[in-house]
Amino acid sequence: MTAAADTRPFAPFEWMLALRYLRARRKEGFISVIAGFSFTGIMLGVATLIIVMAVMNGFRNELFAKILGLNGHIIVNKIGEPFEDYDEVAKLIQRVSGIKAAMPLVEGQVMVSSAVQATGALVRGMSEEGLRSLPLVSDNIRFGSLDGFGEGSGIAIGTRLANMLRVNVGDTITLVSPRGAQTPFGTAPRTKPYTITALFEMGMAEYDRTMVFMPLLEAQRYFARNGEVDAIEVVVDDPNQIDNFVQEVKRAVGPTNHVSDWRVRNETFFTVLEVERNVMFIILSLIVLVAALNIISGLMMLVKDKGRDVAILRTMGASRGSIMRVFLITGASIGIVGTIAGLILGVVFCMNIESIREFVSWMTSTTLFDPNVYYLTRLPADMEPRETVLIVGMALALSVLATIYPSWRASTLDPVEALRYE
């Protein structure tokens, strides 16, 4: 009669029975094995989801930071004529509130050669002020200096390009442009030696291997631009509010200039990353779903095995709700504990992911996350709190939902029938 008197929801005796059912006994070993697999599946599923989504977020954020750290947030081009009034246009742009810098730019493809090697590169002609307004470059000078960059003809190149050419600060390399002077025999390539004054390392292998920065005036002479530039790149305070800045810049520069922003230039790239991220989330969520289905099968077997116990409890006065809650606690405990363990495992893994990568590379004697393939020099992992909460909430919801049907089946057992066939 004690049980009959204490039938409030989630009473102590319900917790006691649920925890007792979770303990492994000799004759219930198989059920305990299934519960262990369910726990492991949910733990690994949650951890995998957290780790993979953190790595994909890290990729996106790192690439986003590198692209915006090297290129302007807004690009202004002249329509239908040479861009010769760039100084006046840059001053108009800088009057707009929230604009950090307006950088005239000359770009051109060249071949870079040294005494031992030759490779292709992209030359960006910029002023010293413009180059210093890009922290990705100015804050990552490894050797040499940008002091007096715009006064002479010295150039800055990436460390990977320097290693490929086997040169250092103070050495001379030769730049060859296919668009040179016109001769009776055709276009002659333009060839000129330059001294390296700085080496930078931006952390993105593609940039460190292909970028060459040259003073703006020297770039205009080298590419025969005769006092004109290709574009003006604009850096703003908040790239996420780019729409407002674009409208202001359009009004400032007038209709003779074309204005575009970083989202338009990289729309396809970021769309692909977002689609890949969403598809990966759906696929990996199936791991958690399968683990939840294991909870259902384990609880169904437990209900069948405990039919006599259920019948006795019912004859002693336990309500159907009490029986349902006992099995609900039993199944949900597996999912909740597994989710918490998966969260801890995922967070610890993300916090030490670079050390783990280095350890696995050392153990297998292979190069994991090759910068030449993945562009970045380290494995990034950025956990977004909202996304992590979503993953944990989804796992908890699936775990609880998986226990409802087996628990309901246990509550509908007929005590007479259960004891008759026991």
Protein backbone atom coordinates (compact mmCIF):
# COMPACT_ATOMS: atom_id res chain seq x y z
CA MET A 1 0.00 0.00 0.00
CA THR A 2 3.00 2.30 0.35
CA ALA A 3 3.39 2.51 -3.40
CA ALA A 4 -0.30 3.26 -3.82
CA ALA A 5 -0.05 6.19 -1.45
CA ASP A 6 3.00 7.67 -3.13
CA THR A 7 1.90 8.02 -6.76
CA ARG A 8 2.66 11.65 -7.42
CA PRO A 9 4.56 12.24 -10.73
CA PHE A 10 8.22 11.17 -10.57
CA ALA A 11 7.93 9.90 -7.01
CA PRO A 12 11.07 8.49 -5.34
CA PHE A 13 10.00 4.87 -5.87
CA GLU A 14 9.74 5.52 -9.64
CA TRP A 15 13.35 6.78 -9.72
CA MET A 16 14.44 3.82 -7.58
CA LEU A 17 12.89 1.29 -9.96
CA ALA A 18 14.22 3.08 -13.05
CA LEU A 19 17.77 3.14 -11.72
CA ARG A 20 17.52 -0.50 -10.67
CA TYR A 21 16.44 -1.47 -14.19
CA LEU A 22 19.51 0.32 -15.54
CA ARG A 23 21.87 -1.85 -13.50
CA ALA A 24 23.36 -4.84 -15.26
CA ARG A 25 22.30 -8.25 -13.99
CA ARG A 26 23.40 -11.62 -15.23
CA LYS A 27 20.09 -12.57 -16.84
CA GLU A 28 19.62 -9.04 -18.22
CA GLY A 29 23.08 -8.75 -19.69
CA PHE A 30 21.88 -8.52 -23.28
CA ILE A 31 19.54 -5.64 -22.45
CA SER A 32 22.39 -3.85 -20.70
CA VAL A 33 24.56 -4.33 -23.76
CA ILE A 34 21.89 -2.70 -25.92
CA ALA A 35 21.63 0.17 -23.43
CA GLY A 36 25.41 0.54 -23.56
CA PHE A 37 25.36 0.70 -27.36
CA SER A 38 22.57 3.27 -27.23
CA PHE A 39 24.55 5.39 -24.77
CA THR A 40 27.72 5.12 -26.88
CA GLY A 41 25.82 5.91 -30.08
CA ILE A 42 24.23 9.06 -28.70
CA MET A 43 27.52 10.18 -27.12
CA LEU A 44 29.47 9.71 -30.35
CA GLY A 45 26.67 11.18 -32.47
CA VAL A 46 26.45 14.37 -30.39
CA ALA A 47 30.25 14.68 -30.19
CA THR A 48 30.64 14.12 -33.94
CA LEU A 49 27.97 16.70 -34.75
CA ILE A 50 29.58 19.29 -32.47
CA ILE A 51 33.10 18.63 -33.80
CA VAL A 52 32.19 18.58 -37.50
CA MET A 53 29.99 21.67 -37.30
CA ALA A 54 32.68 23.50 -35.31
CA VAL A 55 35.31 22.63 -37.91
CA MET A 56 33.04 23.73 -40.76
CA ASN A 57 32.28 26.97 -38.93
CA GLY A 58 36.00 27.41 -38.39
CA PHE A 59 36.66 26.90 -42.09
CA ARG A 60 34.02 29.44 -43.01
CA ASN A 61 35.13 32.03 -40.46
CA GLU A 62 38.82 31.62 -41.30
CA LEU A 63 38.25 31.88 -45.04
CA PHE A 64 35.89 34.79 -44.45
CA ALA A 65 38.52 36.55 -42.34
CA LYS A 66 41.31 35.87 -44.86
CA ILE A 67 39.30 37.00 -47.87
CA LEU A 68 38.06 40.17 -46.18
CA GLY A 69 41.46 40.72 -44.58
CA LEU A 70 43.13 40.91 -47.99
CA ASN A 71 40.38 42.38 -50.17
CA GLY A 72 38.25 45.43 -49.60
CA HIS A 73 34.65 45.13 -48.48
CA ILE A 74 33.48 47.43 -51.29
CA ILE A 75 35.00 47.68 -54.77
CA VAL A 76 34.60 50.82 -56.90
CA ASN A 77 35.37 50.65 -60.66
CA LYS A 78 35.17 53.29 -63.37
CA ILE A 79 32.58 52.59 -66.07
CA GLY A 80 33.68 52.84 -69.71
CA GLU A 81 36.83 54.94 -69.25
CA PRO A 82 40.24 54.85 -67.50
CA PHE A 83 40.13 55.36 -63.76
CA GLU A 84 42.35 58.45 -63.59
CA ASP A 85 40.50 60.56 -61.01
CA TYR A 86 40.97 57.95 -58.29
CA ASP A 87 42.43 60.44 -55.80
CA GLU A 88 39.30 62.61 -55.89
CA VAL A 89 36.98 59.58 -55.74
CA ALA A 90 38.93 58.13 -52.78
CA LYS A 91 38.56 61.42 -50.89
CA LEU A 92 34.80 61.43 -51.53
CA ILE A 93 34.54 57.86 -50.23
CA GLN A 94 36.54 58.62 -47.09
CA ARG A 95 34.05 61.32 -46.14
CA VAL A 96 31.36 58.64 -45.69
CA SER A 97 30.81 57.77 -42.03
CA GLY A 98 32.12 54.32 -41.08
CA ILE A 99 34.73 54.08 -43.85
CA LYS A 100 38.14 53.04 -42.53
CA ALA A 101 40.16 53.24 -45.75
CA ALA A 102 39.82 53.75 -49.51
CA MET A 103 42.75 52.11 -51.32
CA PRO A 104 43.54 52.72 -55.03
CA LEU A 105 44.72 49.45 -56.52
CA VAL A 106 46.56 48.13 -59.59
CA GLU A 107 46.52 44.38 -60.24
CA GLY A 108 48.33 42.22 -62.76
CA GLN A 109 49.47 38.66 -63.41
CA VAL A 110 53.21 38.07 -63.64
CA MET A 111 55.79 35.32 -63.62
CA VAL A 112 58.22 35.54 -60.70
CA SER A 113 61.65 34.00 -61.12
CA SER A 114 64.82 33.60 -59.10
CA ALA A 115 68.10 31.83 -59.79
CA VAL A 116 66.57 28.45 -58.93
CA GLN A 117 62.82 28.60 -59.63
CA ALA A 118 60.01 30.37 -61.49
CA THR A 119 56.26 30.49 -60.78
CA GLY A 120 53.15 32.57 -61.40
CA ALA A 121 51.98 35.32 -59.03
CA LEU A 122 49.48 38.13 -58.64
CA VAL A 123 50.88 41.64 -58.17
CA ARG A 124 48.82 44.14 -56.19
CA GLY A 125 50.07 47.71 -56.39
CA MET A 126 49.11 49.66 -53.26
CA SER A 127 50.31 52.62 -51.23
CA GLU A 128 51.98 52.07 -47.87
CA GLU A 129 48.96 53.58 -46.13
CA GLY A 130 46.62 51.22 -47.99
CA LEU A 131 48.76 48.18 -47.19
CA ARG A 132 48.92 49.10 -43.51
CA SER A 133 45.11 49.33 -43.43
CA LEU A 134 45.01 45.56 -44.09
CA PRO A 135 45.87 43.99 -40.69
CA LEU A 136 46.06 40.54 -42.26
CA VAL A 137 49.19 41.74 -44.07
CA SER A 138 50.65 44.49 -41.89
CA ASP A 139 50.30 42.48 -38.64
CA ASN A 140 51.89 39.37 -40.13
CA ILE A 141 55.23 40.66 -41.42
CA ARG A 142 57.68 37.90 -40.51
CA PHE A 143 60.89 39.39 -41.90
CA GLY A 144 61.78 42.90 -43.05
CA SER A 145 59.53 45.93 -42.68
CA LEU A 146 56.91 48.01 -44.50
CA ASP A 147 58.60 51.26 -43.49
CA GLY A 148 59.11 53.40 -46.58
CA PHE A 149 57.25 50.86 -48.72
CA GLY A 150 55.73 53.47 -51.01
CA GLU A 151 58.92 55.51 -51.49
CA GLY A 152 61.11 53.04 -53.38
CA SER A 153 60.58 50.03 -55.61
CA GLY A 154 60.95 47.26 -53.01
CA ILE A 155 58.29 44.57 -52.90
CA ALA A 156 56.71 42.34 -50.24
CA ILE A 157 56.06 38.64 -50.92
CA GLY A 158 54.66 35.68 -48.97
CA THR A 159 56.85 33.27 -47.03
CA ARG A 160 55.72 30.28 -49.10
CA LEU A 161 56.61 32.08 -52.31
CA ALA A 162 59.99 33.01 -50.81
CA ASN A 163 60.62 29.38 -49.84
CA MET A 164 59.65 28.22 -53.30
CA LEU A 165 62.04 30.73 -54.91
CA ARG A 166 64.66 30.18 -52.14
CA VAL A 167 65.05 33.90 -51.48
CA ASN A 168 65.00 36.12 -48.42
CA VAL A 169 64.77 39.81 -47.49
CA GLY A 170 67.34 41.78 -49.46
CA ASP A 171 67.47 39.29 -52.34
CA THR A 172 66.40 40.20 -55.86
CA ILE A 173 63.75 38.45 -57.95
CA THR A 174 62.63 39.14 -61.50
CA LEU A 175 59.04 39.91 -62.50
CA VAL A 176 57.98 39.12 -66.05
CA SER A 177 54.72 40.51 -67.44
CA PRO A 178 53.40 39.23 -70.79
CA ARG A 179 51.92 42.66 -71.57
CA GLY A 180 54.97 44.72 -72.43
CA ALA A 181 55.98 47.21 -75.10
CA GLN A 182 54.62 46.92 -78.63
CA THR A 183 57.29 46.18 -81.26
CA PRO A 184 57.18 45.45 -84.99
CA PHE A 185 57.47 41.79 -84.05
CA GLY A 186 54.59 41.87 -81.55
CA THR A 187 54.30 42.44 -77.82
CA ALA A 188 57.56 42.05 -75.91
CA PRO A 189 57.33 40.80 -72.30
CA ARG A 190 58.23 43.36 -69.66
CA THR A 191 61.04 42.15 -67.38
CA LYS A 192 62.33 43.96 -64.31
CA PRO A 193 64.24 42.94 -61.16
CA TYR A 194 62.94 43.94 -57.72
CA THR A 195 64.42 43.78 -54.24
CA ILE A 196 62.46 42.03 -51.48
CA THR A 197 61.93 44.34 -48.49
CA ALA A 198 59.39 42.30 -46.48
CA LEU A 199 58.09 38.75 -46.09
CA PHE A 200 54.54 38.18 -44.79
CA GLU A 201 52.62 35.09 -43.68
CA MET A 202 48.86 35.51 -43.73
CA GLY A 203 48.09 31.92 -42.75
CA MET A 204 46.34 31.06 -46.01
CA ALA A 205 48.63 28.99 -48.21
CA GLU A 206 47.17 30.24 -51.49
CA TYR A 207 47.84 33.87 -50.59
CA ASP A 208 51.28 33.23 -49.11
CA ARG A 209 52.28 31.38 -52.29
CA THR A 210 50.96 33.74 -54.96
CA MET A 211 50.69 37.32 -53.63
CA VAL A 212 53.22 40.08 -54.37
CA PHE A 213 52.68 43.63 -53.05
CA MET A 214 54.29 46.50 -54.96
CA PRO A 215 54.19 50.27 -54.35
CA LEU A 216 51.32 51.86 -56.26
CA LEU A 217 53.43 54.28 -58.33
CA GLU A 218 55.88 51.52 -59.25
CA ALA A 219 53.00 49.21 -60.25
CA GLN A 220 51.57 51.93 -62.49
CA ARG A 221 54.95 52.27 -64.22
CA TYR A 222 55.52 48.54 -64.49
CA PHE A 223 52.09 47.77 -65.97
CA ALA A 224 52.09 51.01 -68.06
CA ARG A 225 48.88 52.33 -66.50
CA ASN A 226 49.90 55.99 -67.00
CA GLY A 227 48.41 57.45 -63.85
CA GLU A 228 45.34 55.23 -63.63
CA VAL A 229 44.25 52.38 -61.37
CA ASP A 230 42.07 49.31 -61.76
CA ALA A 231 39.80 49.93 -58.78
CA ILE A 232 39.43 51.44 -55.34
CA GLU A 233 38.93 48.95 -52.53
CA VAL A 234 37.07 50.26 -49.51
CA VAL A 235 37.38 48.90 -45.95
CA VAL A 236 34.40 49.54 -43.63
CA ASP A 237 33.92 49.26 -39.88
CA ASP A 238 31.25 46.52 -40.00
CA PRO A 239 31.20 44.22 -43.07
CA ASN A 240 27.88 42.71 -41.91
CA GLN A 241 26.16 46.07 -42.48
CA ILE A 242 27.54 46.35 -45.98
CA ASP A 243 24.20 47.28 -47.62
CA ASN A 244 24.08 50.63 -45.85
CA PHE A 245 27.69 51.42 -46.80
CA VAL A 246 27.12 50.48 -50.44
CA GLN A 247 24.23 52.92 -50.75
CA GLU A 248 26.26 55.71 -49.13
CA VAL A 249 29.29 55.04 -51.35
CA LYS A 250 27.10 55.00 -54.48
CA ARG A 251 25.73 58.41 -53.62
CA ALA A 252 29.24 59.69 -52.92
CA VAL A 253 30.96 58.50 -56.14
CA GLY A 254 28.12 59.19 -58.58
CA PRO A 255 26.69 57.16 -61.49
CA THR A 256 29.93 57.03 -63.51
CA ASN A 257 31.42 54.48 -61.09
CA HIS A 258 30.31 50.91 -60.48
CA VAL A 259 30.04 49.81 -56.82
CA SER A 260 29.95 46.18 -55.67
CA ASP A 261 30.49 44.48 -52.30
CA TRP A 262 32.26 41.39 -50.98
CA ARG A 263 29.07 39.31 -50.81
CA VAL A 264 28.40 39.71 -54.53
CA ARG A 265 32.00 38.81 -55.43
CA ASN A 266 32.04 35.70 -53.19
CA GLU A 267 28.37 34.72 -53.33
CA THR A 268 28.89 31.36 -55.03
CA PHE A 269 31.73 30.39 -52.72
CA PHE A 270 29.86 31.10 -49.50
CA THR A 271 26.65 29.53 -50.84
CA VAL A 272 28.50 26.28 -51.49
CA LEU A 273 29.92 26.34 -47.96
CA GLU A 274 26.48 26.93 -46.46
CA VAL A 275 24.86 24.11 -48.48
CA GLU A 276 27.66 21.72 -47.51
CA ARG A 277 27.28 22.69 -43.87
CA ASN A 278 23.51 22.08 -43.84
CA VAL A 279 23.78 18.75 -45.65
CA MET A 280 26.49 17.57 -43.26
CA PHE A 281 24.29 18.48 -40.29
CA ILE A 282 21.41 16.42 -41.67
CA ILE A 283 23.58 13.41 -42.46
CA LEU A 284 25.33 13.35 -39.08
CA SER A 285 22.00 13.79 -37.27
CA LEU A 286 21.14 10.31 -38.50
CA ILE A 287 23.75 8.94 -36.08
CA VAL A 288 21.79 10.36 -33.16
CA LEU A 289 18.53 9.08 -34.67
CA VAL A 290 19.90 5.54 -34.98
CA ALA A 291 21.06 5.66 -31.36
CA ALA A 292 17.57 6.80 -30.33
CA LEU A 293 16.07 3.83 -32.19
CA ASN A 294 18.40 1.58 -30.18
CA ILE A 295 16.81 3.01 -27.04
CA ILE A 296 13.40 1.95 -28.36
CA SER A 297 14.53 -1.62 -29.03
CA GLY A 298 16.29 -1.87 -25.67
CA LEU A 299 13.26 -0.58 -23.76
CA MET A 300 10.88 -2.89 -25.64
CA MET A 301 12.98 -5.86 -24.58
CA LEU A 302 13.13 -4.51 -21.02
CA VAL A 303 9.34 -4.11 -20.94
CA LYS A 304 8.88 -7.69 -22.09
CA ASP A 305 11.39 -8.96 -19.53
CA LYS A 306 9.79 -6.97 -16.68
CA GLY A 307 6.19 -7.93 -17.46
CA ARG A 308 5.82 -9.82 -14.16
CA ASP A 309 7.24 -6.88 -12.19
CA VAL A 310 4.80 -4.52 -13.89
CA ALA A 311 1.86 -6.81 -13.11
CA ILE A 312 2.82 -7.03 -9.42
CA LEU A 313 3.23 -3.25 -9.19
CA ARG A 314 -0.18 -2.75 -10.78
CA THR A 315 -1.86 -5.17 -8.34
CA MET A 316 -0.19 -3.31 -5.47
CA GLY A 317 -1.83 -0.09 -6.62
CA ALA A 318 0.69 1.55 -8.96
CA SER A 319 -1.06 3.60 -11.60
CA ARG A 320 -0.47 3.35 -15.31
CA GLY A 321 1.15 6.76 -15.17
CA SER A 322 3.67 5.54 -12.59
CA ILE A 323 4.60 2.52 -14.72
CA MET A 324 4.98 4.74 -17.78
CA ARG A 325 7.20 7.18 -15.90
CA VAL A 326 9.43 4.39 -14.59
CA PHE A 327 10.30 3.25 -18.10
CA LEU A 328 10.39 6.85 -19.33
CA ILE A 329 13.06 7.65 -16.73
CA THR A 330 14.96 4.48 -17.63
CA GLY A 331 15.17 5.25 -21.35
CA ALA A 332 15.57 9.01 -21.03
CA SER A 333 18.47 8.57 -18.60
CA ILE A 334 20.45 6.78 -21.29
CA GLY A 335 19.85 9.58 -23.79
CA ILE A 336 20.41 12.47 -21.37
CA VAL A 337 23.63 11.07 -19.91
CA GLY A 338 24.84 10.14 -23.40
CA THR A 339 24.10 13.65 -24.66
CA ILE A 340 25.95 15.28 -21.77
CA ALA A 341 28.92 12.95 -22.28
CA GLY A 342 28.89 13.74 -26.02
CA LEU A 343 28.80 17.47 -25.29
CA ILE A 344 31.81 17.20 -22.97
CA LEU A 345 33.70 15.02 -25.45
CA GLY A 346 32.94 17.39 -28.33
CA VAL A 347 33.98 20.51 -26.42
CA VAL A 348 37.24 18.94 -25.22
CA PHE A 349 38.02 17.69 -28.73
CA CYS A 350 37.37 21.12 -30.29
CA MET A 351 39.52 22.89 -27.70
CA ASN A 352 42.46 20.58 -28.44
CA ILE A 353 41.84 19.85 -32.11
CA GLU A 354 45.16 21.19 -33.37
CA SER A 355 47.11 19.14 -30.81
CA ILE A 356 45.08 16.07 -31.77
CA ARG A 357 45.80 16.68 -35.44
CA GLU A 358 49.52 16.94 -34.78
CA PHE A 359 49.47 13.78 -32.64
CA VAL A 360 47.62 11.78 -35.30
CA SER A 361 49.99 13.08 -37.98
CA TRP A 362 52.93 11.98 -35.83
CA MET A 363 51.40 8.57 -35.13
CA THR A 364 50.55 7.85 -38.78
CA SER A 365 53.57 9.64 -40.30
CA THR A 366 51.24 11.45 -42.70
CA THR A 367 50.30 15.08 -43.30
CA LEU A 368 46.77 15.66 -42.10
CA PHE A 369 45.08 18.84 -43.29
CA ASP A 370 47.65 19.73 -45.94
CA PRO A 371 47.75 23.55 -46.33
CA ASN A 372 48.33 23.15 -50.07
CA VAL A 373 44.95 21.42 -50.35
CA TYR A 374 42.87 23.16 -47.68
CA TYR A 375 44.44 26.62 -48.05
CA LEU A 376 44.67 27.23 -44.29
CA THR A 377 47.78 26.47 -42.25
CA ARG A 378 45.94 25.16 -39.17
CA LEU A 379 42.78 23.19 -38.46
CA PRO A 380 40.17 25.68 -37.22
CA ALA A 381 37.27 24.86 -34.89
CA ASP A 382 34.79 27.54 -33.83
CA MET A 383 31.85 26.41 -31.70
CA GLU A 384 28.77 28.58 -32.06
CA PRO A 385 26.72 28.57 -28.81
CA ARG A 386 23.34 28.60 -30.59
CA GLU A 387 24.32 25.71 -32.83
CA THR A 388 25.66 23.68 -29.91
CA VAL A 389 22.44 24.28 -27.97
CA LEU A 390 20.46 23.16 -31.04
CA ILE A 391 22.47 19.91 -31.28
CA VAL A 392 22.07 19.14 -27.57
CA GLY A 393 18.36 20.01 -27.66
CA MET A 394 17.79 17.79 -30.69
CA ALA A 395 19.57 14.85 -29.04
CA LEU A 396 17.59 15.29 -25.82
CA ALA A 397 14.31 15.55 -27.70
CA LEU A 398 14.99 12.40 -29.73
CA SER A 399 16.04 10.53 -26.59
CA VAL A 400 12.83 11.43 -24.75
CA LEU A 401 10.58 10.78 -27.76
CA ALA A 402 12.17 7.36 -28.25
CA THR A 403 11.02 6.29 -24.77
CA ILE A 404 7.36 7.28 -25.12
CA TYR A 405 6.09 4.27 -27.09
CA PRO A 406 7.86 1.54 -25.03
CA SER A 407 6.76 3.30 -21.82
CA TRP A 408 3.16 3.45 -23.04
CA ARG A 409 3.27 -0.25 -23.92
CA ALA A 410 4.47 -1.03 -20.40
CA SER A 411 1.62 1.01 -18.87
CA THR A 412 -1.02 -0.86 -20.91
CA LEU A 413 0.05 -4.35 -19.79
CA ASP A 414 -2.84 -6.30 -18.27
CA PRO A 415 -1.72 -7.57 -14.82
CA VAL A 416 -3.91 -10.68 -15.04
CA GLU A 417 -2.60 -11.68 -18.46
CA ALA A 418 1.01 -10.91 -17.50
CA LEU A 419 0.84 -13.11 -14.36
CA ARG A 420 -1.10 -15.91 -16.10
CA TYR A 421 1.60 -16.51 -18.71
CA GLU A 422 4.57 -15.88 -16.41
